[in-house]
N, C-alpha and C. Protein backbone atom coordinates (compact mmCIF):
# COMPACT_ATOMS: atom_id res chain seq x y z
N MET A 1 106.63 84.50 79.04
CA MET A 1 105.43 83.95 79.63
C MET A 1 104.62 85.08 80.28
N ARG A 2 103.33 85.08 80.07
CA ARG A 2 102.45 86.11 80.61
C ARG A 2 102.22 85.89 82.10
N ASP A 3 102.23 86.99 82.83
CA ASP A 3 101.98 86.94 84.27
C ASP A 3 100.55 87.45 84.49
N VAL A 4 99.60 86.52 84.59
CA VAL A 4 98.18 86.86 84.72
C VAL A 4 97.74 86.61 86.16
N VAL A 5 97.18 87.65 86.78
CA VAL A 5 96.72 87.57 88.17
C VAL A 5 95.42 88.35 88.30
N SER A 6 94.74 88.16 89.42
CA SER A 6 93.57 89.00 89.69
C SER A 6 94.08 90.36 90.18
N LEU A 7 93.31 91.39 89.92
CA LEU A 7 93.72 92.76 90.23
C LEU A 7 94.07 92.94 91.70
N ASP A 8 93.39 92.24 92.59
CA ASP A 8 93.68 92.39 94.02
C ASP A 8 95.07 91.88 94.41
N LYS A 9 95.73 91.16 93.52
CA LYS A 9 97.08 90.64 93.80
C LYS A 9 98.18 91.65 93.45
N LEU A 10 97.83 92.70 92.70
CA LEU A 10 98.83 93.72 92.37
C LEU A 10 99.11 94.58 93.60
N LYS A 11 100.35 95.02 93.71
CA LYS A 11 100.76 95.86 94.82
C LYS A 11 100.69 97.33 94.40
N GLU A 12 100.77 98.19 95.39
CA GLU A 12 100.76 99.63 95.15
C GLU A 12 101.83 100.00 94.13
N GLY A 13 101.45 100.76 93.11
CA GLY A 13 102.38 101.20 92.07
C GLY A 13 102.47 100.27 90.88
N GLU A 14 101.96 99.04 91.00
CA GLU A 14 102.02 98.10 89.88
C GLU A 14 100.90 98.38 88.88
N ARG A 15 101.17 98.00 87.63
CA ARG A 15 100.21 98.21 86.55
C ARG A 15 99.84 96.88 85.91
N GLY A 16 98.66 96.86 85.32
CA GLY A 16 98.23 95.66 84.61
C GLY A 16 97.27 96.03 83.49
N LYS A 17 97.20 95.15 82.51
CA LYS A 17 96.26 95.32 81.40
C LYS A 17 95.11 94.36 81.63
N VAL A 18 93.89 94.88 81.68
CA VAL A 18 92.72 94.05 81.94
C VAL A 18 92.54 93.06 80.80
N ILE A 19 92.39 91.77 81.15
CA ILE A 19 92.17 90.76 80.11
C ILE A 19 90.83 90.06 80.25
N ASN A 20 90.23 90.09 81.45
CA ASN A 20 88.95 89.40 81.62
C ASN A 20 88.22 89.92 82.86
N LEU A 21 86.89 89.96 82.76
CA LEU A 21 86.02 90.32 83.89
C LEU A 21 85.18 89.09 84.19
N ILE A 22 85.24 88.61 85.42
CA ILE A 22 84.52 87.40 85.81
C ILE A 22 83.25 87.79 86.56
N GLY A 23 82.12 87.60 85.91
CA GLY A 23 80.86 87.94 86.55
C GLY A 23 79.74 88.03 85.54
N GLY A 24 78.58 88.35 86.04
CA GLY A 24 77.39 88.45 85.21
C GLY A 24 77.35 89.75 84.42
N ARG A 25 76.30 89.89 83.66
CA ARG A 25 76.14 91.04 82.77
C ARG A 25 76.14 92.36 83.54
N ALA A 26 75.38 92.44 84.63
CA ALA A 26 75.30 93.68 85.41
C ALA A 26 76.66 94.05 86.00
N PHE A 27 77.40 93.06 86.48
CA PHE A 27 78.74 93.29 87.03
C PHE A 27 79.65 93.88 85.96
N LYS A 28 79.66 93.26 84.79
CA LYS A 28 80.52 93.72 83.70
C LYS A 28 80.12 95.12 83.23
N LEU A 29 78.83 95.37 83.11
CA LEU A 29 78.37 96.70 82.68
C LEU A 29 78.79 97.78 83.67
N ARG A 30 78.71 97.49 84.95
CA ARG A 30 79.12 98.47 85.96
C ARG A 30 80.60 98.80 85.84
N LEU A 31 81.43 97.78 85.65
CA LEU A 31 82.86 98.02 85.50
C LEU A 31 83.15 98.80 84.22
N ILE A 32 82.45 98.48 83.15
CA ILE A 32 82.64 99.20 81.89
C ILE A 32 82.27 100.68 82.08
N GLN A 33 81.21 100.95 82.84
CA GLN A 33 80.83 102.34 83.13
C GLN A 33 81.94 103.07 83.88
N LEU A 34 82.70 102.34 84.67
CA LEU A 34 83.83 102.92 85.42
C LEU A 34 85.09 103.01 84.56
N GLY A 35 85.04 102.49 83.33
CA GLY A 35 86.18 102.53 82.43
C GLY A 35 87.06 101.30 82.51
N ILE A 36 86.62 100.29 83.26
CA ILE A 36 87.41 99.06 83.43
C ILE A 36 86.85 97.99 82.52
N MET A 37 87.64 97.65 81.49
CA MET A 37 87.21 96.65 80.51
C MET A 37 88.45 96.03 79.87
N PRO A 38 88.31 94.87 79.22
CA PRO A 38 89.47 94.24 78.59
C PRO A 38 90.19 95.21 77.65
N GLY A 39 91.53 95.18 77.75
CA GLY A 39 92.37 96.02 76.91
C GLY A 39 92.83 97.31 77.58
N VAL A 40 92.19 97.68 78.68
CA VAL A 40 92.50 98.93 79.38
C VAL A 40 93.60 98.69 80.41
N GLU A 41 94.50 99.66 80.53
CA GLU A 41 95.57 99.58 81.52
C GLU A 41 95.12 100.23 82.82
N VAL A 42 95.40 99.57 83.94
CA VAL A 42 95.08 100.11 85.26
C VAL A 42 96.35 100.14 86.10
N LYS A 43 96.38 101.07 87.05
CA LYS A 43 97.51 101.17 87.98
C LYS A 43 96.95 101.22 89.39
N VAL A 44 97.53 100.42 90.28
CA VAL A 44 97.10 100.41 91.67
C VAL A 44 97.74 101.59 92.38
N SER A 45 96.91 102.51 92.89
CA SER A 45 97.45 103.66 93.62
C SER A 45 97.38 103.44 95.13
N LYS A 46 96.52 102.52 95.57
CA LYS A 46 96.46 102.15 96.99
C LYS A 46 95.99 100.71 97.08
N SER A 47 96.79 99.86 97.73
CA SER A 47 96.45 98.45 97.87
C SER A 47 95.32 98.26 98.87
N ALA A 48 94.58 97.16 98.70
CA ALA A 48 93.50 96.82 99.63
C ALA A 48 94.10 96.25 100.91
N LEU A 49 93.67 96.77 102.04
CA LEU A 49 94.10 96.26 103.33
C LEU A 49 92.88 95.74 104.07
N LEU A 50 92.88 94.45 104.36
CA LEU A 50 91.76 93.80 105.03
C LEU A 50 90.45 94.12 104.33
N SER A 51 89.58 94.91 104.96
CA SER A 51 88.28 95.18 104.34
C SER A 51 88.24 96.53 103.62
N CYS A 52 89.37 97.23 103.58
CA CYS A 52 89.41 98.54 102.91
C CYS A 52 89.44 98.36 101.39
N PRO A 53 88.81 99.28 100.67
CA PRO A 53 88.87 99.18 99.21
C PRO A 53 90.25 99.55 98.70
N MET A 54 90.55 99.11 97.48
CA MET A 54 91.78 99.51 96.84
C MET A 54 91.44 100.62 95.86
N MET A 55 92.42 101.47 95.58
CA MET A 55 92.24 102.55 94.62
C MET A 55 93.04 102.21 93.38
N VAL A 56 92.39 102.33 92.22
CA VAL A 56 93.09 102.12 90.97
C VAL A 56 92.90 103.34 90.08
N GLU A 57 93.91 103.60 89.26
CA GLU A 57 93.83 104.68 88.28
C GLU A 57 93.52 104.06 86.93
N VAL A 58 92.49 104.59 86.29
CA VAL A 58 92.09 104.12 84.97
C VAL A 58 91.60 105.32 84.16
N ASN A 59 92.16 105.51 82.98
CA ASN A 59 91.76 106.63 82.11
C ASN A 59 91.79 107.97 82.84
N ASN A 60 92.88 108.25 83.55
CA ASN A 60 93.07 109.51 84.29
C ASN A 60 92.04 109.75 85.38
N ALA A 61 91.45 108.70 85.90
CA ALA A 61 90.49 108.81 87.01
C ALA A 61 90.86 107.78 88.06
N ARG A 62 90.47 108.04 89.30
CA ARG A 62 90.68 107.08 90.38
C ARG A 62 89.37 106.41 90.71
N VAL A 63 89.44 105.09 90.89
CA VAL A 63 88.25 104.29 91.18
C VAL A 63 88.54 103.44 92.40
N ALA A 64 87.60 103.42 93.36
CA ALA A 64 87.72 102.57 94.54
C ALA A 64 87.02 101.25 94.26
N LEU A 65 87.71 100.15 94.53
CA LEU A 65 87.15 98.81 94.31
C LEU A 65 87.33 97.98 95.56
N GLY A 66 86.28 97.28 95.96
CA GLY A 66 86.39 96.35 97.06
C GLY A 66 87.23 95.14 96.65
N LYS A 67 87.77 94.44 97.63
CA LYS A 67 88.62 93.28 97.35
C LYS A 67 87.86 92.21 96.56
N GLY A 68 86.58 92.01 96.86
CA GLY A 68 85.78 91.02 96.15
C GLY A 68 85.63 91.35 94.67
N VAL A 69 85.42 92.62 94.37
CA VAL A 69 85.30 93.05 92.97
C VAL A 69 86.65 92.92 92.29
N ALA A 70 87.71 93.42 92.94
CA ALA A 70 89.05 93.37 92.35
C ALA A 70 89.50 91.94 92.08
N SER A 71 89.04 90.99 92.89
CA SER A 71 89.44 89.59 92.69
C SER A 71 88.80 88.98 91.45
N ARG A 72 87.81 89.65 90.88
CA ARG A 72 87.12 89.14 89.69
C ARG A 72 87.54 89.86 88.42
N ILE A 73 88.57 90.70 88.54
CA ILE A 73 89.15 91.41 87.39
C ILE A 73 90.53 90.81 87.16
N TRP A 74 90.71 90.14 86.02
CA TRP A 74 91.99 89.50 85.71
C TRP A 74 92.82 90.41 84.82
N VAL A 75 94.09 90.56 85.20
CA VAL A 75 94.99 91.45 84.48
C VAL A 75 96.29 90.73 84.14
N GLU A 76 96.93 91.23 83.10
CA GLU A 76 98.29 90.80 82.77
C GLU A 76 99.22 91.85 83.34
N ARG A 77 100.07 91.43 84.26
CA ARG A 77 100.99 92.36 84.92
C ARG A 77 101.90 93.01 83.88
N ILE A 78 102.08 94.33 84.00
CA ILE A 78 102.97 95.09 83.11
C ILE A 78 104.20 95.47 83.91
N GLU A 79 105.35 95.10 83.40
CA GLU A 79 106.62 95.41 84.10
C GLU A 79 107.03 96.83 83.86
């Protein structure tokens, strides 16, 4: 069974494969510019704490994402 969660639910060190971006065209285009799109693997390098952004690694780069943005990125957890 697939374990599908929003990116903000992953803990530090966990990885996921992006399966869906929830938002309008501009939102999706911005994430694609950052390298975050369906099929791409991401790893959480720093979890979001309260209002702090979370850091994710994607395509050998680190990207800071706010909790609101991360909650609209759906991933399949990779064990």
